[in-house]
Amino acid sequence: MRARLNLHRLFAAGMWIKALDGALEMIGGLLLLVLSPAAIGRLVMALTQHELVEDPHDRVATALRSAGHLSASAQLFGSIYLIAHGLIKIGVVAGVLRGYRWAYPIAIGFLGLFIAYQVYRLSYAFNAGLLALTLFDVGMVGLAWREYRAVGTGAG
């Protein structure tokens, strides 16, 4: 009984992390929508300056610097993508946390798509952070499946 409760709590914590991630995606999308490319460039410069002084070859900071040079259409696409992705994630998480049975297969399906894409990306270039995220998502699929079965049988 205690193990079941601990797994449920672990699942709920993971879902809250996914909800926070969705909210941050929406904020990022809104910032992309309202900020000019020059303002984005200045913001990225300010956020990455310290890291690049310490390590001029930092891959994340260098990649973020390229975000300051987005075309207007790329900026609009990125904004819409992030807002939509965040909204979907928050909607699915809300459904799961409320125990709506329909939300579990959707959550498992989306996580499966993310995992497939992440594995594809890992096959081209190893990234420890992406590997950790992928393993987290695999664990969340397992926990979501367990919760889905428990919701169906009335066991919690």
Protein backbone atom coordinates (compact mmCIF):
# COMPACT_ATOMS: atom_id res chain seq x y z
CA MET A 1 0.00 0.00 0.00
CA ARG A 2 2.81 2.42 0.90
CA ALA A 3 4.69 1.66 -2.34
CA ARG A 4 1.50 2.38 -4.32
CA LEU A 5 1.10 5.74 -2.56
CA ASN A 6 4.76 6.63 -3.15
CA LEU A 7 4.47 5.81 -6.87
CA HIS A 8 1.33 7.94 -7.08
CA ARG A 9 3.12 10.84 -5.41
CA LEU A 10 6.09 10.43 -7.76
CA PHE A 11 3.72 10.47 -10.73
CA ALA A 12 1.93 13.59 -9.44
CA ALA A 13 5.26 15.35 -8.90
CA GLY A 14 6.32 14.47 -12.45
CA MET A 15 3.05 15.82 -13.80
CA TRP A 16 3.55 19.09 -11.91
CA ILE A 17 7.03 19.35 -13.45
CA LYS A 18 5.45 18.87 -16.89
CA ALA A 19 2.86 21.58 -16.09
CA LEU A 20 5.61 23.99 -15.03
CA ASP A 21 7.47 23.18 -18.24
CA GLY A 22 4.31 23.91 -20.23
CA ALA A 23 3.87 27.25 -18.46
CA LEU A 24 7.49 28.20 -19.18
CA GLU A 25 7.01 27.26 -22.84
CA MET A 26 3.99 29.54 -23.03
CA ILE A 27 5.90 32.40 -21.41
CA GLY A 28 8.76 31.87 -23.85
CA GLY A 29 6.32 31.81 -26.76
CA LEU A 30 4.67 35.02 -25.60
CA LEU A 31 8.07 36.71 -25.23
CA LEU A 32 8.98 35.63 -28.76
CA LEU A 33 5.70 37.08 -29.96
CA VAL A 34 6.03 40.49 -28.35
CA LEU A 35 9.78 41.15 -28.37
CA SER A 36 11.62 42.47 -31.39
CA PRO A 37 14.53 40.44 -32.80
CA ALA A 38 16.91 43.13 -31.46
CA ALA A 39 15.41 42.86 -27.95
CA ILE A 40 15.69 39.06 -28.08
CA GLY A 41 19.32 39.42 -29.15
CA ARG A 42 20.06 41.75 -26.22
CA LEU A 43 18.29 39.45 -23.75
CA VAL A 44 20.15 36.37 -25.00
CA MET A 45 23.43 38.30 -24.92
CA ALA A 46 22.83 39.33 -21.30
CA LEU A 47 21.85 35.80 -20.26
CA THR A 48 24.80 34.06 -21.93
CA GLN A 49 27.63 36.60 -21.47
CA HIS A 50 28.87 35.20 -18.13
CA GLU A 51 28.82 31.60 -19.35
CA LEU A 52 30.72 32.42 -22.53
CA VAL A 53 33.38 34.31 -20.56
CA GLU A 54 33.94 31.15 -18.50
CA ASP A 55 33.73 28.78 -21.48
CA PRO A 56 33.76 30.36 -24.95
CA HIS A 57 32.83 26.99 -26.49
CA ASP A 58 29.74 26.34 -24.34
CA ARG A 59 27.30 24.65 -26.73
CA VAL A 60 24.10 25.78 -25.04
CA ALA A 61 25.13 29.43 -24.75
CA THR A 62 26.42 29.44 -28.33
CA ALA A 63 23.17 27.90 -29.60
CA LEU A 64 21.11 30.45 -27.67
CA ARG A 65 23.08 33.27 -29.28
CA SER A 66 21.77 32.18 -32.68
CA ALA A 67 18.21 32.78 -31.38
CA GLY A 68 18.93 36.49 -31.54
CA HIS A 69 19.18 36.25 -35.33
CA LEU A 70 15.79 34.73 -36.12
CA SER A 71 13.83 35.85 -39.16
CA ALA A 72 10.37 37.28 -38.52
CA SER A 73 8.71 34.13 -39.87
CA ALA A 74 10.92 31.85 -37.74
CA GLN A 75 10.16 33.98 -34.70
CA LEU A 76 6.40 33.78 -35.36
CA PHE A 77 6.57 30.01 -35.94
CA GLY A 78 8.57 29.51 -32.74
CA SER A 79 6.12 31.63 -30.80
CA ILE A 80 3.05 29.77 -32.05
CA TYR A 81 4.76 26.41 -31.55
CA LEU A 82 5.77 27.15 -27.96
CA ILE A 83 2.38 28.58 -26.99
CA ALA A 84 0.46 25.68 -28.56
CA HIS A 85 2.82 23.07 -27.12
CA GLY A 86 2.57 24.62 -23.66
CA LEU A 87 -1.24 24.84 -23.81
CA ILE A 88 -1.55 21.20 -24.88
CA LYS A 89 0.84 20.07 -22.17
CA ILE A 90 -1.00 22.02 -19.46
CA GLY A 91 -4.38 20.75 -20.69
CA VAL A 92 -3.29 17.12 -20.67
CA VAL A 93 -1.63 17.48 -17.26
CA ALA A 94 -4.77 19.12 -15.84
CA GLY A 95 -6.87 16.24 -17.15
CA VAL A 96 -4.53 13.64 -15.69
CA LEU A 97 -4.25 15.35 -12.31
CA ARG A 98 -8.04 15.54 -12.13
CA GLY A 99 -8.20 11.80 -12.83
CA TYR A 100 -10.00 12.04 -16.19
CA ARG A 101 -9.50 8.64 -17.78
CA TRP A 102 -9.36 10.05 -21.33
CA ALA A 103 -6.31 12.17 -20.48
CA TYR A 104 -4.00 9.25 -19.68
CA PRO A 105 -3.78 7.76 -23.21
CA ILE A 106 -3.25 11.26 -24.61
CA ALA A 107 -0.46 11.92 -22.10
CA ILE A 108 1.14 8.55 -22.89
CA GLY A 109 0.84 9.24 -26.63
CA PHE A 110 2.43 12.69 -26.41
CA LEU A 111 5.20 11.40 -24.17
CA GLY A 112 5.79 8.58 -26.64
CA LEU A 113 6.15 11.09 -29.47
CA PHE A 114 8.57 13.17 -27.42
CA ILE A 115 10.59 10.08 -26.54
CA ALA A 116 10.78 9.01 -30.19
CA TYR A 117 11.96 12.46 -31.24
CA GLN A 118 14.46 12.64 -28.39
CA VAL A 119 15.89 9.22 -29.29
CA TYR A 120 16.15 10.39 -32.90
CA ARG A 121 18.08 13.48 -31.74
CA LEU A 122 20.30 11.35 -29.48
CA SER A 123 21.14 9.10 -32.45
CA TYR A 124 22.75 12.10 -34.15
CA ALA A 125 24.51 13.70 -31.22
CA PHE A 126 24.74 12.52 -27.63
CA ASN A 127 23.58 15.02 -25.04
CA ALA A 128 23.47 14.08 -21.36
CA GLY A 129 20.63 16.50 -20.64
CA LEU A 130 18.52 15.11 -23.46
CA LEU A 131 19.25 11.57 -22.29
CA ALA A 132 18.13 12.50 -18.75
CA LEU A 133 14.94 14.07 -20.13
CA THR A 134 14.27 10.97 -22.23
CA LEU A 135 14.72 8.67 -19.24
CA PHE A 136 12.44 10.94 -17.19
CA ASP A 137 9.78 10.73 -19.91
CA VAL A 138 10.12 6.92 -20.12
CA GLY A 139 9.57 6.75 -16.36
CA MET A 140 6.56 9.05 -16.68
CA VAL A 141 5.05 6.76 -19.35
CA GLY A 142 5.40 3.80 -16.99
CA LEU A 143 3.84 5.72 -14.12
CA ALA A 144 1.06 7.10 -16.35
CA TRP A 145 0.21 3.57 -17.52
CA ARG A 146 0.10 2.37 -13.90
CA GLU A 147 -2.13 5.32 -12.90
CA TYR A 148 -4.38 4.75 -15.92
CA ARG A 149 -4.95 1.15 -14.89
CA ALA A 150 -5.59 2.23 -11.28
CA VAL A 151 -8.14 4.88 -12.36
CA GLY A 152 -9.91 2.24 -14.46
CA THR A 153 -10.20 -0.24 -11.60
CA GLY A 154 -10.95 2.34 -8.95
CA ALA A 155 -7.73 1.49 -7.06
CA GLY A 156 -5.56 4.46 -6.19
